[in-house]
Amino acid sequence: LDRNRGGFCLELNSLFAEFLRACGYHVTIVEATVAKDGTFDDLRPPSHIVLMVKTDPSATDVYYVDVGFAEPPLVPLPFTYHQEHVTPEGMRSKFSIDCKGNV
């Protein structure tokens, strides 16, 4: 935080990404937007980052991991587009592709 690299999510998710890579996982950092009032309408520009994790480069299963959110999921969630996921703790997430092809 002293080096002004960003907020809570940037610090924690970036550090966790390095940890996962050191453990042999393949990690992609993805920009994200936190939905306003828990809805997926009228989304703002990205202000958050999350991790997409694969067990190896040829794996077809991709997992969403986010240790930098105020109420992070306690388990990795399967990464799929346009499908809402709800954790046992009640956190909702959904990934979409915008008109520019961004996740």
C-alpha atoms as a PDB file:
ATOM      1  CA  LEU A   1       0.000   0.000   0.000  1.00  0.00           C
ATOM      2  CA  ASP A   2       2.919   2.329   0.584  1.00  0.00           C
ATOM      3  CA  ARG A   3       3.793   2.131  -3.133  1.00  0.00           C
ATOM      4  CA  ASN A   4       0.305   3.226  -4.273  1.00  0.00           C
ATOM      5  CA  ARG A   5      -0.346   0.212  -6.491  1.00  0.00           C
ATOM      6  CA  GLY A   6      -4.060   0.247  -5.788  1.00  0.00           C
ATOM      7  CA  GLY A   7      -6.650  -0.721  -3.243  1.00  0.00           C
ATOM      8  CA  PHE A   8      -7.435  -3.806  -1.221  1.00  0.00           C
ATOM      9  CA  CYS A   9      -8.391  -6.038  -4.163  1.00  0.00           C
ATOM     10  CA  LEU A  10      -5.312  -5.127  -6.189  1.00  0.00           C
ATOM     11  CA  GLU A  11      -2.964  -5.854  -3.312  1.00  0.00           C
ATOM     12  CA  LEU A  12      -4.533  -9.103  -2.087  1.00  0.00           C
ATOM     13  CA  ASN A  13      -5.461 -10.610  -5.448  1.00  0.00           C
ATOM     14  CA  SER A  14      -2.055  -9.759  -6.936  1.00  0.00           C
ATOM     15  CA  LEU A  15      -0.240 -11.363  -3.996  1.00  0.00           C
ATOM     16  CA  PHE A  16      -2.528 -14.418  -4.084  1.00  0.00           C
ATOM     17  CA  ALA A  17      -1.941 -14.738  -7.845  1.00  0.00           C
ATOM     18  CA  GLU A  18       1.810 -14.917  -7.206  1.00  0.00           C
ATOM     19  CA  PHE A  19       1.256 -17.527  -4.494  1.00  0.00           C
ATOM     20  CA  LEU A  20      -0.911 -19.660  -6.810  1.00  0.00           C
ATOM     21  CA  ARG A  21       1.653 -19.383  -9.608  1.00  0.00           C
ATOM     22  CA  ALA A  22       4.388 -20.508  -7.190  1.00  0.00           C
ATOM     23  CA  CYS A  23       2.192 -23.535  -6.415  1.00  0.00           C
ATOM     24  CA  GLY A  24       1.985 -24.411 -10.115  1.00  0.00           C
ATOM     25  CA  TYR A  25      -1.400 -22.947 -11.055  1.00  0.00           C
ATOM     26  CA  HIS A  26      -1.953 -20.839 -14.163  1.00  0.00           C
ATOM     27  CA  VAL A  27      -3.463 -17.488 -13.235  1.00  0.00           C
ATOM     28  CA  THR A  28      -4.880 -14.630 -15.283  1.00  0.00           C
ATOM     29  CA  ILE A  29      -5.748 -11.334 -13.598  1.00  0.00           C
ATOM     30  CA  VAL A  30      -8.988  -9.879 -14.995  1.00  0.00           C
ATOM     31  CA  GLU A  31     -10.490  -6.427 -14.538  1.00  0.00           C
ATOM     32  CA  ALA A  32     -13.971  -6.518 -13.040  1.00  0.00           C
ATOM     33  CA  THR A  33     -16.835  -4.265 -12.072  1.00  0.00           C
ATOM     34  CA  VAL A  34     -18.695  -4.579  -8.822  1.00  0.00           C
ATOM     35  CA  ALA A  35     -22.420  -4.472  -9.545  1.00  0.00           C
ATOM     36  CA  LYS A  36     -24.281  -1.518  -8.108  1.00  0.00           C
ATOM     37  CA  ASP A  37     -26.799  -2.502  -5.424  1.00  0.00           C
ATOM     38  CA  GLY A  38     -26.336  -6.186  -6.247  1.00  0.00           C
ATOM     39  CA  THR A  39     -27.845  -5.829  -9.719  1.00  0.00           C
ATOM     40  CA  PHE A  40     -26.152  -6.408 -13.034  1.00  0.00           C
ATOM     41  CA  ASP A  41     -27.778  -3.403 -14.748  1.00  0.00           C
ATOM     42  CA  ASP A  42     -26.003  -0.106 -15.434  1.00  0.00           C
ATOM     43  CA  LEU A  43     -22.493  -1.379 -14.727  1.00  0.00           C
ATOM     44  CA  ARG A  44     -19.671   1.067 -14.085  1.00  0.00           C
ATOM     45  CA  PRO A  45     -16.139   0.913 -15.543  1.00  0.00           C
ATOM     46  CA  PRO A  46     -13.798  -1.707 -14.044  1.00  0.00           C
ATOM     47  CA  SER A  47     -12.541  -0.821 -10.565  1.00  0.00           C
ATOM     48  CA  HIS A  48     -11.769  -4.299  -9.252  1.00  0.00           C
ATOM     49  CA  ILE A  49      -9.652  -7.295 -10.234  1.00  0.00           C
ATOM     50  CA  VAL A  50     -10.335 -11.014  -9.907  1.00  0.00           C
ATOM     51  CA  LEU A  51      -8.346 -14.132 -10.738  1.00  0.00           C
ATOM     52  CA  MET A  52      -9.088 -16.776 -13.338  1.00  0.00           C
ATOM     53  CA  VAL A  53      -7.254 -19.957 -12.341  1.00  0.00           C
ATOM     54  CA  LYS A  54      -6.489 -23.169 -14.237  1.00  0.00           C
ATOM     55  CA  THR A  55      -4.800 -26.232 -12.806  1.00  0.00           C
ATOM     56  CA  ASP A  56      -2.603 -26.488 -15.920  1.00  0.00           C
ATOM     57  CA  PRO A  57      -2.412 -24.758 -19.316  1.00  0.00           C
ATOM     58  CA  SER A  58      -4.445 -27.445 -21.116  1.00  0.00           C
ATOM     59  CA  ALA A  59      -7.190 -27.639 -18.480  1.00  0.00           C
ATOM     60  CA  THR A  60     -10.650 -26.757 -19.723  1.00  0.00           C
ATOM     61  CA  ASP A  61     -12.016 -25.915 -16.278  1.00  0.00           C
ATOM     62  CA  VAL A  62     -11.384 -22.334 -15.211  1.00  0.00           C
ATOM     63  CA  TYR A  63     -12.143 -21.066 -11.714  1.00  0.00           C
ATOM     64  CA  TYR A  64     -12.926 -17.587 -10.454  1.00  0.00           C
ATOM     65  CA  VAL A  65     -11.034 -16.663  -7.292  1.00  0.00           C
ATOM     66  CA  ASP A  66     -11.330 -13.354  -5.430  1.00  0.00           C
ATOM     67  CA  VAL A  67      -9.608 -12.854  -2.081  1.00  0.00           C
ATOM     68  CA  GLY A  68      -9.744  -9.065  -2.365  1.00  0.00           C
ATOM     69  CA  PHE A  69     -13.451  -8.427  -1.971  1.00  0.00           C
ATOM     70  CA  ALA A  70     -15.149  -7.407   1.264  1.00  0.00           C
ATOM     71  CA  GLU A  71     -17.095 -10.685   1.313  1.00  0.00           C
ATOM     72  CA  PRO A  72     -15.025 -13.062  -0.830  1.00  0.00           C
ATOM     73  CA  PRO A  73     -16.263 -16.498  -1.808  1.00  0.00           C
ATOM     74  CA  LEU A  74     -14.669 -19.098   0.423  1.00  0.00           C
ATOM     75  CA  VAL A  75     -14.351 -21.606  -2.422  1.00  0.00           C
ATOM     76  CA  PRO A  76     -13.251 -21.223  -6.052  1.00  0.00           C
ATOM     77  CA  LEU A  77     -16.241 -20.814  -8.349  1.00  0.00           C
ATOM     78  CA  PRO A  78     -16.507 -22.280 -11.843  1.00  0.00           C
ATOM     79  CA  PHE A  79     -15.970 -19.534 -14.415  1.00  0.00           C
ATOM     80  CA  THR A  80     -18.785 -19.387 -16.949  1.00  0.00           C
ATOM     81  CA  TYR A  81     -20.279 -16.513 -18.950  1.00  0.00           C
ATOM     82  CA  HIS A  82     -23.793 -15.198 -18.423  1.00  0.00           C
ATOM     83  CA  GLN A  83     -24.558 -17.559 -15.548  1.00  0.00           C
ATOM     84  CA  GLU A  84     -25.042 -16.197 -12.062  1.00  0.00           C
ATOM     85  CA  HIS A  85     -23.227 -18.025  -9.283  1.00  0.00           C
ATOM     86  CA  VAL A  86     -24.287 -17.803  -5.645  1.00  0.00           C
ATOM     87  CA  THR A  87     -21.921 -18.935  -2.917  1.00  0.00           C
ATOM     88  CA  PRO A  88     -23.112 -20.663   0.271  1.00  0.00           C
ATOM     89  CA  GLU A  89     -22.460 -17.299   1.966  1.00  0.00           C
ATOM     90  CA  GLY A  90     -24.881 -15.551  -0.420  1.00  0.00           C
ATOM     91  CA  MET A  91     -22.421 -13.639  -2.641  1.00  0.00           C
ATOM     92  CA  ARG A  92     -23.640 -13.340  -6.220  1.00  0.00           C
ATOM     93  CA  SER A  93     -21.346 -13.113  -9.246  1.00  0.00           C
ATOM     94  CA  LYS A  94     -21.837 -13.134 -12.988  1.00  0.00           C
ATOM     95  CA  PHE A  95     -19.393 -12.719 -15.883  1.00  0.00           C
ATOM     96  CA  SER A  96     -20.435 -11.165 -19.158  1.00  0.00           C
ATOM     97  CA  ILE A  97     -18.734  -9.968 -22.323  1.00  0.00           C
ATOM     98  CA  ASP A  98     -19.384  -6.366 -23.318  1.00  0.00           C
ATOM     99  CA  CYS A  99     -19.759  -5.061 -26.864  1.00  0.00           C
ATOM    100  CA  LYS A 100     -15.957  -4.575 -27.100  1.00  0.00           C
ATOM    101  CA  GLY A 101     -15.251  -8.193 -26.159  1.00  0.00           C
ATOM    102  CA  ASN A 102     -14.099  -7.382 -22.625  1.00  0.00           C
ATOM    103  CA  VAL A 103     -14.991  -9.694 -19.746  1.00  0.00           C
END
